[in-house]
């Protein structure tokens, strides 16, 4: 809770290591949640802090089983969040989209960014290049299709690369793998 208060309160945000530096370490999920919340641009300042508290308490890792009491508490929190949507949002969501569903999207986005960054940080230990690979969902943007198989330095931040070029919606399904050099026989 203190981390989110420092991120969204009056205190100055904590310094975060540069993800492109060679000695970068994996960052906590809270960092990516804060980025997703702020980057959405759809929440008021009060909405950002409420969303951060909601995600801290109720965002679950995929496959994690919660007991009946926790499920009931989450349902009540979802209802309270959706009732307060008008005060927390800058503009209304589409009628079929709830604020709780939007929170789940922010959580998924943060987890994707964290996983992508952590994978590249780990790659830095054994290779110098990574390769863009598509999931072939059929929803890839032109930039992703044109750059499939292209090699990038592992010193590049994969999230910055995709944020600067990729226009896949709702998020990029492209991933980065270590680039393996073929050996001549």
N, C-alpha and C. Protein backbone atom coordinates (compact mmCIF):
# COMPACT_ATOMS: atom_id res chain seq x y z
N UNK A 1 0.83 -1.18 0.00
CA UNK A 1 0.00 0.00 0.00
C UNK A 1 0.88 1.25 0.00
N UNK A 2 2.00 1.18 0.73
CA UNK A 2 2.89 2.34 0.78
C UNK A 2 3.47 2.64 -0.58
N UNK A 3 3.77 1.57 -1.35
CA UNK A 3 4.32 1.78 -2.69
C UNK A 3 3.33 2.54 -3.56
N UNK A 4 2.06 2.13 -3.55
CA UNK A 4 1.08 2.80 -4.38
C UNK A 4 0.81 4.22 -3.90
N UNK A 5 0.83 4.42 -2.59
CA UNK A 5 0.65 5.78 -2.09
C UNK A 5 1.81 6.66 -2.54
N UNK A 6 3.02 6.10 -2.53
CA UNK A 6 4.16 6.91 -2.98
C UNK A 6 4.08 7.17 -4.48
N UNK A 7 3.51 6.22 -5.22
CA UNK A 7 3.39 6.42 -6.67
C UNK A 7 2.30 7.42 -7.02
N UNK A 8 1.20 7.40 -6.26
CA UNK A 8 0.06 8.22 -6.64
C UNK A 8 -0.23 9.35 -5.67
N UNK A 9 0.46 9.38 -4.54
CA UNK A 9 0.23 10.43 -3.56
C UNK A 9 1.03 11.67 -3.88
N UNK A 10 1.22 12.52 -2.88
CA UNK A 10 1.97 13.75 -3.05
C UNK A 10 3.47 13.53 -3.04
N UNK A 11 3.89 12.36 -2.56
CA UNK A 11 5.33 12.07 -2.51
C UNK A 11 5.88 11.91 -3.91
N UNK A 12 7.16 12.20 -4.05
CA UNK A 12 7.77 12.02 -5.36
C UNK A 12 7.91 10.53 -5.63
N UNK A 13 7.75 10.11 -6.88
CA UNK A 13 7.82 8.69 -7.19
C UNK A 13 9.23 8.16 -6.96
N UNK A 14 9.34 6.88 -6.59
CA UNK A 14 10.65 6.31 -6.36
C UNK A 14 11.43 6.23 -7.67
N UNK A 15 12.73 6.28 -7.55
CA UNK A 15 13.54 6.15 -8.75
C UNK A 15 13.54 4.70 -9.19
N UNK A 16 13.44 4.49 -10.48
CA UNK A 16 13.39 3.15 -11.04
C UNK A 16 14.60 2.99 -11.94
N UNK A 17 15.29 1.84 -11.85
CA UNK A 17 16.45 1.66 -12.70
C UNK A 17 16.07 1.71 -14.18
N UNK A 18 17.02 2.15 -14.98
CA UNK A 18 16.81 2.22 -16.42
C UNK A 18 16.74 0.81 -16.98
N UNK A 19 15.60 0.42 -17.61
CA UNK A 19 15.46 -0.95 -18.09
C UNK A 19 16.39 -1.29 -19.24
N UNK A 20 17.00 -0.29 -19.87
CA UNK A 20 17.90 -0.59 -20.98
C UNK A 20 19.35 -0.70 -20.56
N UNK A 21 19.65 -0.44 -19.29
CA UNK A 21 21.04 -0.55 -18.86
C UNK A 21 21.44 -2.02 -18.79
N UNK A 22 22.71 -2.32 -19.06
CA UNK A 22 23.15 -3.71 -19.08
C UNK A 22 22.98 -4.43 -17.74
N UNK A 23 22.98 -3.70 -16.64
CA UNK A 23 22.86 -4.33 -15.33
C UNK A 23 21.43 -4.26 -14.79
N UNK A 24 20.46 -4.02 -15.65
CA UNK A 24 19.06 -3.93 -15.23
C UNK A 24 18.60 -5.26 -14.65
N UNK A 25 17.76 -5.17 -13.64
CA UNK A 25 17.19 -6.34 -12.99
C UNK A 25 15.69 -6.34 -13.26
N UNK A 26 15.05 -7.51 -13.12
CA UNK A 26 13.59 -7.52 -13.25
C UNK A 26 12.94 -6.56 -12.26
N UNK A 27 11.93 -5.85 -12.72
CA UNK A 27 11.23 -4.87 -11.89
C UNK A 27 9.98 -5.51 -11.29
N UNK A 28 9.51 -5.00 -10.15
CA UNK A 28 8.30 -5.58 -9.55
C UNK A 28 7.05 -5.29 -10.38
N UNK A 29 6.05 -6.15 -10.22
CA UNK A 29 4.79 -5.97 -10.94
C UNK A 29 4.17 -4.62 -10.62
N UNK A 30 4.36 -4.12 -9.41
CA UNK A 30 3.79 -2.82 -9.02
C UNK A 30 4.25 -1.71 -9.96
N UNK A 31 5.48 -1.77 -10.43
CA UNK A 31 6.00 -0.77 -11.37
C UNK A 31 5.18 -0.79 -12.66
N UNK A 32 4.92 -1.98 -13.18
CA UNK A 32 4.18 -2.10 -14.43
C UNK A 32 2.70 -1.78 -14.25
N UNK A 33 2.15 -2.10 -13.08
CA UNK A 33 0.76 -1.71 -12.80
C UNK A 33 0.63 -0.19 -12.79
N UNK A 34 1.59 0.48 -12.14
CA UNK A 34 1.56 1.94 -12.10
C UNK A 34 1.66 2.52 -13.51
N UNK A 35 2.53 1.95 -14.34
CA UNK A 35 2.66 2.41 -15.73
C UNK A 35 1.37 2.20 -16.51
N UNK A 36 0.75 1.02 -16.35
CA UNK A 36 -0.49 0.73 -17.07
C UNK A 36 -1.61 1.66 -16.65
N UNK A 37 -1.69 1.92 -15.35
CA UNK A 37 -2.75 2.79 -14.83
C UNK A 37 -2.56 4.21 -15.34
N UNK A 38 -1.35 4.73 -15.20
CA UNK A 38 -1.09 6.10 -15.67
C UNK A 38 -1.17 6.21 -17.18
N UNK A 39 -0.66 5.19 -17.87
CA UNK A 39 -0.65 5.22 -19.33
C UNK A 39 -2.01 5.08 -19.97
N UNK A 40 -2.98 4.58 -19.22
CA UNK A 40 -4.31 4.40 -19.81
C UNK A 40 -4.94 5.73 -20.19
N UNK A 41 -4.67 6.77 -19.40
CA UNK A 41 -5.24 8.09 -19.66
C UNK A 41 -6.73 8.17 -19.47
N UNK A 42 -7.36 7.11 -18.99
CA UNK A 42 -8.81 7.09 -18.85
C UNK A 42 -9.27 7.38 -17.43
N UNK A 43 -8.34 7.38 -16.47
CA UNK A 43 -8.71 7.54 -15.08
C UNK A 43 -8.37 8.93 -14.56
N UNK A 44 -9.23 9.45 -13.69
CA UNK A 44 -8.92 10.70 -13.00
C UNK A 44 -7.81 10.41 -11.98
N UNK A 45 -7.19 11.43 -11.42
CA UNK A 45 -6.17 11.17 -10.39
C UNK A 45 -6.72 10.32 -9.23
N UNK A 46 -7.94 10.61 -8.80
CA UNK A 46 -8.56 9.79 -7.74
C UNK A 46 -8.80 8.37 -8.26
N UNK A 47 -9.20 8.26 -9.50
CA UNK A 47 -9.43 6.95 -10.10
C UNK A 47 -8.15 6.13 -10.17
N UNK A 48 -7.02 6.79 -10.43
CA UNK A 48 -5.74 6.08 -10.47
C UNK A 48 -5.42 5.47 -9.11
N UNK A 49 -5.62 6.23 -8.04
CA UNK A 49 -5.30 5.69 -6.71
C UNK A 49 -6.27 4.58 -6.31
N UNK A 50 -7.57 4.75 -6.62
CA UNK A 50 -8.55 3.71 -6.30
C UNK A 50 -8.24 2.44 -7.10
N UNK A 51 -7.90 2.60 -8.37
CA UNK A 51 -7.58 1.44 -9.22
C UNK A 51 -6.33 0.73 -8.71
N UNK A 52 -5.34 1.50 -8.28
CA UNK A 52 -4.11 0.90 -7.76
C UNK A 52 -4.41 0.07 -6.51
N UNK A 53 -5.22 0.61 -5.61
CA UNK A 53 -5.58 -0.13 -4.40
C UNK A 53 -6.39 -1.37 -4.74
N UNK A 54 -7.32 -1.24 -5.68
CA UNK A 54 -8.14 -2.38 -6.10
C UNK A 54 -7.26 -3.49 -6.67
N UNK A 55 -6.35 -3.12 -7.58
CA UNK A 55 -5.49 -4.13 -8.20
C UNK A 55 -4.54 -4.76 -7.19
N UNK A 56 -4.05 -3.97 -6.26
CA UNK A 56 -3.16 -4.52 -5.26
C UNK A 56 -3.88 -5.57 -4.42
N UNK A 57 -5.14 -5.33 -4.13
CA UNK A 57 -5.88 -6.25 -3.28
C UNK A 57 -6.49 -7.41 -4.04
N UNK A 58 -6.95 -7.19 -5.26
CA UNK A 58 -7.75 -8.21 -5.93
C UNK A 58 -7.18 -8.78 -7.22
N UNK A 59 -6.09 -8.24 -7.73
CA UNK A 59 -5.51 -8.81 -8.94
C UNK A 59 -4.93 -10.17 -8.59
N UNK A 60 -5.34 -11.18 -9.29
CA UNK A 60 -4.89 -12.55 -9.01
C UNK A 60 -4.03 -13.04 -10.16
N UNK A 61 -3.04 -13.84 -9.79
CA UNK A 61 -2.22 -14.49 -10.81
C UNK A 61 -3.08 -15.53 -11.52
N UNK A 62 -2.86 -15.75 -12.82
CA UNK A 62 -3.67 -16.74 -13.54
C UNK A 62 -3.57 -18.11 -12.86
N UNK A 63 -4.70 -18.77 -12.71
CA UNK A 63 -4.73 -20.11 -12.15
C UNK A 63 -4.74 -20.15 -10.63
N UNK A 64 -4.64 -19.01 -9.98
CA UNK A 64 -4.63 -18.99 -8.52
C UNK A 64 -6.07 -19.15 -8.02
N UNK A 65 -6.29 -20.14 -7.19
CA UNK A 65 -7.62 -20.39 -6.65
C UNK A 65 -7.85 -19.51 -5.44
N UNK A 66 -9.02 -18.89 -5.37
CA UNK A 66 -9.36 -18.09 -4.20
C UNK A 66 -10.54 -18.74 -3.51
N UNK A 67 -10.61 -18.61 -2.20
CA UNK A 67 -11.69 -19.24 -1.46
C UNK A 67 -12.98 -18.43 -1.62
N UNK A 68 -14.06 -18.98 -1.10
CA UNK A 68 -15.38 -18.38 -1.28
C UNK A 68 -15.47 -17.00 -0.64
N UNK A 69 -14.84 -16.82 0.51
CA UNK A 69 -14.87 -15.52 1.19
C UNK A 69 -14.15 -14.46 0.35
N UNK A 70 -12.99 -14.84 -0.23
CA UNK A 70 -12.25 -13.91 -1.08
C UNK A 70 -13.03 -13.59 -2.35
N UNK A 71 -13.69 -14.59 -2.91
CA UNK A 71 -14.49 -14.39 -4.12
C UNK A 71 -15.64 -13.42 -3.84
N UNK A 72 -16.28 -13.57 -2.69
CA UNK A 72 -17.39 -12.68 -2.32
C UNK A 72 -16.87 -11.25 -2.12
N UNK A 73 -15.71 -11.12 -1.48
CA UNK A 73 -15.12 -9.78 -1.28
C UNK A 73 -14.78 -9.15 -2.61
N UNK A 74 -14.27 -9.95 -3.56
CA UNK A 74 -13.94 -9.41 -4.88
C UNK A 74 -15.21 -8.98 -5.61
N UNK A 75 -16.27 -9.76 -5.53
CA UNK A 75 -17.54 -9.38 -6.17
C UNK A 75 -18.07 -8.07 -5.61
N UNK A 76 -17.98 -7.91 -4.30
CA UNK A 76 -18.43 -6.66 -3.67
C UNK A 76 -17.56 -5.49 -4.10
N UNK A 77 -16.25 -5.72 -4.19
CA UNK A 77 -15.34 -4.66 -4.64
C UNK A 77 -15.60 -4.30 -6.10
N UNK A 78 -15.88 -5.32 -6.93
CA UNK A 78 -16.21 -5.07 -8.34
C UNK A 78 -17.45 -4.20 -8.45
N UNK A 79 -18.47 -4.53 -7.67
CA UNK A 79 -19.71 -3.76 -7.68
C UNK A 79 -19.47 -2.33 -7.23
N UNK A 80 -18.71 -2.16 -6.14
CA UNK A 80 -18.41 -0.81 -5.64
C UNK A 80 -17.60 -0.02 -6.66
N UNK A 81 -16.66 -0.69 -7.31
CA UNK A 81 -15.84 -0.02 -8.32
C UNK A 81 -16.71 0.43 -9.49
N UNK A 82 -17.60 -0.44 -9.94
CA UNK A 82 -18.45 -0.10 -11.08
C UNK A 82 -19.44 1.01 -10.74
N UNK A 83 -19.92 1.05 -9.50
CA UNK A 83 -20.83 2.12 -9.08
C UNK A 83 -20.10 3.47 -9.09
N UNK A 84 -18.83 3.46 -8.72
CA UNK A 84 -18.06 4.70 -8.65
C UNK A 84 -17.43 5.08 -9.99
N UNK A 85 -17.73 4.37 -11.05
CA UNK A 85 -17.09 4.59 -12.35
C UNK A 85 -17.19 6.04 -12.81
N UNK A 86 -18.32 6.67 -12.62
CA UNK A 86 -18.52 8.04 -13.09
C UNK A 86 -17.53 9.01 -12.46
N UNK A 87 -17.20 8.82 -11.19
CA UNK A 87 -16.26 9.74 -10.53
C UNK A 87 -14.80 9.38 -10.79
N UNK A 88 -14.54 8.14 -11.21
CA UNK A 88 -13.17 7.68 -11.37
C UNK A 88 -12.65 7.79 -12.80
N UNK A 89 -13.54 7.92 -13.75
CA UNK A 89 -13.15 7.96 -15.16
C UNK A 89 -13.23 9.37 -15.74
N UNK A 90 -12.34 9.65 -16.66
CA UNK A 90 -12.38 10.93 -17.38
C UNK A 90 -13.52 10.93 -18.41
N UNK A 91 -13.73 9.79 -19.04
CA UNK A 91 -14.82 9.62 -20.02
C UNK A 91 -15.40 8.23 -19.80
N UNK A 92 -16.70 8.05 -20.03
CA UNK A 92 -17.30 6.74 -19.77
C UNK A 92 -16.75 5.66 -20.70
N UNK A 93 -16.74 4.44 -20.19
CA UNK A 93 -16.37 3.28 -20.99
C UNK A 93 -17.57 2.90 -21.85
N UNK A 94 -17.36 2.01 -22.79
CA UNK A 94 -18.49 1.55 -23.59
C UNK A 94 -19.48 0.84 -22.67
N UNK A 95 -20.76 0.82 -23.04
CA UNK A 95 -21.78 0.25 -22.15
C UNK A 95 -21.54 -1.22 -21.77
N UNK A 96 -20.84 -1.97 -22.60
CA UNK A 96 -20.61 -3.38 -22.32
C UNK A 96 -19.35 -3.62 -21.48
N UNK A 97 -18.64 -2.59 -21.17
CA UNK A 97 -17.35 -2.73 -20.48
C UNK A 97 -17.48 -2.15 -19.08
N UNK A 98 -17.20 -2.95 -18.08
CA UNK A 98 -17.27 -2.49 -16.71
C UNK A 98 -15.90 -1.99 -16.27
N UNK A 99 -15.88 -1.24 -15.19
CA UNK A 99 -14.62 -0.75 -14.65
C UNK A 99 -13.79 -1.92 -14.10
N UNK A 100 -14.46 -2.93 -13.56
CA UNK A 100 -13.74 -4.11 -13.08
C UNK A 100 -13.08 -4.85 -14.24
N UNK A 101 -13.75 -4.93 -15.39
CA UNK A 101 -13.15 -5.55 -16.57
C UNK A 101 -11.97 -4.72 -17.07
N UNK A 102 -12.09 -3.40 -17.01
CA UNK A 102 -11.00 -2.50 -17.37
C UNK A 102 -9.81 -2.73 -16.44
N UNK A 103 -10.08 -2.94 -15.15
CA UNK A 103 -9.00 -3.23 -14.19
C UNK A 103 -8.30 -4.52 -14.55
N UNK A 104 -9.06 -5.53 -14.97
CA UNK A 104 -8.45 -6.79 -15.39
C UNK A 104 -7.56 -6.59 -16.62
N UNK A 105 -7.99 -5.73 -17.54
CA UNK A 105 -7.18 -5.43 -18.73
C UNK A 105 -5.88 -4.74 -18.33
N UNK A 106 -5.95 -3.80 -17.39
CA UNK A 106 -4.75 -3.12 -16.92
C UNK A 106 -3.79 -4.11 -16.27
N UNK A 107 -4.33 -5.03 -15.48
CA UNK A 107 -3.50 -6.05 -14.83
C UNK A 107 -2.84 -6.95 -15.86
N UNK A 108 -3.59 -7.40 -16.85
CA UNK A 108 -3.05 -8.26 -17.91
C UNK A 108 -1.96 -7.52 -18.69
N UNK A 109 -2.20 -6.26 -18.99
CA UNK A 109 -1.22 -5.43 -19.70
C UNK A 109 0.07 -5.32 -18.89
N UNK A 110 -0.07 -5.07 -17.59
CA UNK A 110 1.11 -4.96 -16.73
C UNK A 110 1.87 -6.27 -16.67
N UNK A 111 1.15 -7.38 -16.59
CA UNK A 111 1.83 -8.68 -16.54
C UNK A 111 2.56 -8.99 -17.84
N UNK A 112 1.97 -8.63 -18.98
CA UNK A 112 2.64 -8.84 -20.26
C UNK A 112 3.92 -8.01 -20.36
N UNK A 113 3.85 -6.75 -19.95
CA UNK A 113 5.03 -5.89 -19.99
C UNK A 113 6.13 -6.42 -19.07
N UNK A 114 5.75 -6.85 -17.89
CA UNK A 114 6.73 -7.39 -16.95
C UNK A 114 7.37 -8.66 -17.50
N UNK A 115 6.57 -9.57 -18.01
CA UNK A 115 7.10 -10.82 -18.53
C UNK A 115 8.04 -10.57 -19.71
N UNK A 116 7.67 -9.65 -20.59
CA UNK A 116 8.50 -9.33 -21.74
C UNK A 116 9.84 -8.74 -21.29
N UNK A 117 9.80 -7.80 -20.35
CA UNK A 117 11.02 -7.17 -19.87
C UNK A 117 11.90 -8.17 -19.12
N UNK A 118 11.29 -8.97 -18.24
CA UNK A 118 12.07 -9.95 -17.47
C UNK A 118 12.74 -10.97 -18.37
N UNK A 119 12.06 -11.39 -19.43
CA UNK A 119 12.65 -12.35 -20.36
C UNK A 119 13.89 -11.77 -21.03
N UNK A 120 13.82 -10.51 -21.42
CA UNK A 120 14.97 -9.89 -22.08
C UNK A 120 16.11 -9.67 -21.09
N UNK A 121 15.79 -9.31 -19.85
CA UNK A 121 16.83 -9.17 -18.83
C UNK A 121 17.55 -10.50 -18.66
N UNK A 122 16.81 -11.60 -18.65
CA UNK A 122 17.42 -12.92 -18.53
C UNK A 122 18.24 -13.28 -19.77
N UNK A 123 17.78 -12.88 -20.96
CA UNK A 123 18.51 -13.17 -22.20
C UNK A 123 19.88 -12.50 -22.23
N UNK A 124 20.00 -11.36 -21.55
CA UNK A 124 21.25 -10.62 -21.57
C UNK A 124 22.41 -11.43 -21.01
N UNK A 125 22.11 -12.46 -20.25
CA UNK A 125 23.15 -13.30 -19.68
C UNK A 125 23.76 -14.28 -20.66
N UNK A 126 23.09 -14.58 -21.77
CA UNK A 126 23.61 -15.62 -22.66
C UNK A 126 23.54 -15.30 -24.15
N UNK A 127 23.00 -14.16 -24.53
CA UNK A 127 23.00 -13.81 -25.95
C UNK A 127 23.05 -12.30 -26.12
N UNK A 128 23.34 -11.87 -27.32
CA UNK A 128 23.44 -10.43 -27.57
C UNK A 128 22.32 -9.89 -28.44
N UNK A 129 21.56 -10.81 -29.04
CA UNK A 129 20.46 -10.38 -29.90
C UNK A 129 19.20 -11.17 -29.59
N UNK A 130 18.07 -10.50 -29.81
CA UNK A 130 16.76 -11.15 -29.68
C UNK A 130 16.02 -10.98 -30.99
N UNK A 131 15.07 -11.86 -31.23
CA UNK A 131 14.35 -11.86 -32.49
C UNK A 131 12.86 -11.70 -32.22
N UNK A 132 12.21 -10.85 -32.99
CA UNK A 132 10.78 -10.64 -32.87
C UNK A 132 10.05 -11.83 -33.50
N UNK A 133 9.14 -12.42 -32.74
CA UNK A 133 8.38 -13.57 -33.21
C UNK A 133 6.89 -13.29 -33.00
N UNK A 134 6.10 -13.62 -34.00
CA UNK A 134 4.65 -13.39 -33.92
C UNK A 134 3.92 -14.62 -33.43
N UNK A 135 2.80 -14.41 -32.80
CA UNK A 135 1.95 -15.52 -32.36
C UNK A 135 1.02 -15.96 -33.49
N UNK A 136 0.94 -15.20 -34.56
CA UNK A 136 0.10 -15.49 -35.73
C UNK A 136 -1.37 -15.64 -35.35
N UNK A 137 -1.88 -14.63 -34.67
CA UNK A 137 -3.30 -14.60 -34.31
C UNK A 137 -4.14 -14.02 -35.44
N UNK A 138 -3.50 -13.38 -36.40
CA UNK A 138 -4.22 -12.73 -37.48
C UNK A 138 -4.52 -11.27 -37.19
N UNK A 139 -4.21 -10.82 -35.96
CA UNK A 139 -4.49 -9.44 -35.57
C UNK A 139 -3.23 -8.59 -35.51
N UNK A 140 -2.13 -9.07 -36.07
CA UNK A 140 -0.88 -8.34 -35.98
C UNK A 140 -0.93 -7.09 -36.86
N UNK A 141 -0.27 -6.05 -36.40
CA UNK A 141 -0.21 -4.81 -37.18
C UNK A 141 0.85 -4.95 -38.27
N UNK A 142 0.90 -3.99 -39.16
CA UNK A 142 1.84 -4.04 -40.28
C UNK A 142 3.28 -4.04 -39.80
N UNK A 143 3.61 -3.24 -38.76
CA UNK A 143 4.98 -3.18 -38.26
C UNK A 143 5.42 -4.55 -37.74
N UNK A 144 4.58 -5.21 -36.98
CA UNK A 144 4.93 -6.53 -36.44
C UNK A 144 5.13 -7.54 -37.58
N UNK A 145 4.24 -7.54 -38.57
CA UNK A 145 4.39 -8.47 -39.69
C UNK A 145 5.67 -8.20 -40.47
N UNK A 146 5.98 -6.92 -40.71
CA UNK A 146 7.18 -6.57 -41.47
C UNK A 146 8.46 -6.90 -40.72
N UNK A 147 8.42 -6.88 -39.40
CA UNK A 147 9.63 -7.08 -38.60
C UNK A 147 9.74 -8.47 -37.98
N UNK A 148 8.86 -9.38 -38.37
CA UNK A 148 8.97 -10.74 -37.84
C UNK A 148 10.32 -11.33 -38.26
N UNK A 149 11.01 -11.88 -37.30
CA UNK A 149 12.33 -12.46 -37.55
C UNK A 149 13.48 -11.46 -37.50
N UNK A 150 13.17 -10.19 -37.39
CA UNK A 150 14.21 -9.17 -37.31
C UNK A 150 14.94 -9.28 -35.97
N UNK A 151 16.22 -9.03 -36.01
CA UNK A 151 17.05 -9.11 -34.81
C UNK A 151 17.20 -7.72 -34.19
N UNK A 152 17.09 -7.69 -32.88
CA UNK A 152 17.28 -6.47 -32.10
C UNK A 152 18.31 -6.77 -31.02
N UNK A 153 18.98 -5.74 -30.56
CA UNK A 153 19.93 -5.91 -29.46
C UNK A 153 19.16 -6.21 -28.18
N UNK A 154 19.72 -7.08 -27.33
CA UNK A 154 19.06 -7.37 -26.05
C UNK A 154 19.19 -6.19 -25.10
N UNK A 155 19.96 -5.18 -25.48
CA UNK A 155 20.05 -3.98 -24.65
C UNK A 155 18.85 -3.07 -24.87
N UNK A 156 18.08 -3.31 -25.95
CA UNK A 156 16.87 -2.54 -26.21
C UNK A 156 15.77 -2.99 -25.26
N UNK A 157 14.93 -2.05 -24.85
CA UNK A 157 13.79 -2.38 -24.01
C UNK A 157 12.67 -2.85 -24.94
N UNK A 158 12.21 -4.11 -24.80
CA UNK A 158 11.19 -4.62 -25.72
C UNK A 158 9.88 -3.86 -25.64
N UNK A 159 9.53 -3.40 -24.44
CA UNK A 159 8.28 -2.67 -24.29
C UNK A 159 8.35 -1.31 -24.97
N UNK A 160 9.52 -0.67 -24.92
CA UNK A 160 9.69 0.61 -25.60
C UNK A 160 9.64 0.41 -27.12
N UNK A 161 10.25 -0.66 -27.61
CA UNK A 161 10.20 -0.95 -29.05
C UNK A 161 8.76 -1.11 -29.52
N UNK A 162 7.98 -1.91 -28.80
CA UNK A 162 6.60 -2.14 -29.21
C UNK A 162 5.74 -0.89 -29.02
N UNK A 163 5.98 -0.17 -27.94
CA UNK A 163 5.19 1.06 -27.71
C UNK A 163 5.45 2.10 -28.79
N UNK A 164 6.67 2.14 -29.30
CA UNK A 164 7.02 3.13 -30.31
C UNK A 164 6.60 2.78 -31.72
N UNK A 165 6.36 1.49 -31.98
CA UNK A 165 6.10 1.08 -33.37
C UNK A 165 4.83 0.27 -33.55
N UNK A 166 4.52 -0.59 -32.61
CA UNK A 166 3.42 -1.55 -32.76
C UNK A 166 2.07 -0.87 -32.55
N UNK A 167 1.11 -1.24 -33.40
CA UNK A 167 -0.25 -0.70 -33.25
C UNK A 167 -1.27 -1.83 -33.14
N UNK A 168 -0.83 -3.02 -32.71
CA UNK A 168 -1.75 -4.14 -32.50
C UNK A 168 -2.74 -3.76 -31.41
N UNK A 169 -3.99 -4.20 -31.56
CA UNK A 169 -5.01 -3.91 -30.56
C UNK A 169 -5.62 -5.22 -30.08
N UNK A 170 -5.90 -5.37 -28.84
CA UNK A 170 -5.73 -4.43 -27.73
C UNK A 170 -4.30 -4.37 -27.23
N UNK A 171 -3.49 -5.38 -27.52
CA UNK A 171 -2.08 -5.36 -27.13
C UNK A 171 -1.32 -6.25 -28.11
N UNK A 172 -0.03 -6.10 -28.12
CA UNK A 172 0.81 -6.85 -29.04
C UNK A 172 0.93 -8.30 -28.61
N UNK A 173 0.76 -9.20 -29.57
CA UNK A 173 0.96 -10.61 -29.28
C UNK A 173 2.37 -11.04 -29.69
N UNK A 174 3.17 -10.10 -30.13
CA UNK A 174 4.55 -10.40 -30.52
C UNK A 174 5.40 -10.63 -29.29
N UNK A 175 6.37 -11.50 -29.43
CA UNK A 175 7.30 -11.78 -28.35
C UNK A 175 8.72 -11.75 -28.88
N UNK A 176 9.65 -11.70 -27.95
CA UNK A 176 11.06 -11.70 -28.32
C UNK A 176 11.71 -12.97 -27.79
N UNK A 177 12.47 -13.64 -28.66
CA UNK A 177 13.21 -14.84 -28.31
C UNK A 177 14.68 -14.61 -28.59
N UNK A 178 15.55 -15.37 -27.94
CA UNK A 178 16.98 -15.24 -28.26
C UNK A 178 17.21 -15.55 -29.73
N UNK A 179 18.03 -14.73 -30.38
CA UNK A 179 18.37 -14.96 -31.78
C UNK A 179 19.49 -16.00 -31.82
N UNK A 180 19.23 -17.09 -32.49
CA UNK A 180 20.21 -18.17 -32.58
C UNK A 180 20.87 -18.10 -33.94
N UNK A 181 22.19 -18.07 -33.91
CA UNK A 181 22.94 -18.02 -35.16
C UNK A 181 23.06 -19.40 -35.73
N UNK A 182 22.78 -19.52 -37.01
CA UNK A 182 22.89 -20.82 -37.67
C UNK A 182 24.37 -21.11 -37.94
N UNK A 183 24.74 -22.35 -37.72
CA UNK A 183 26.12 -22.74 -37.97
C UNK A 183 26.22 -23.37 -39.35
N UNK A 184 27.27 -23.02 -40.05
CA UNK A 184 27.49 -23.61 -41.39
C UNK A 184 27.98 -25.05 -41.23
N UNK A 185 27.45 -25.95 -42.02
CA UNK A 185 27.84 -27.35 -41.92
C UNK A 185 29.02 -27.66 -42.81
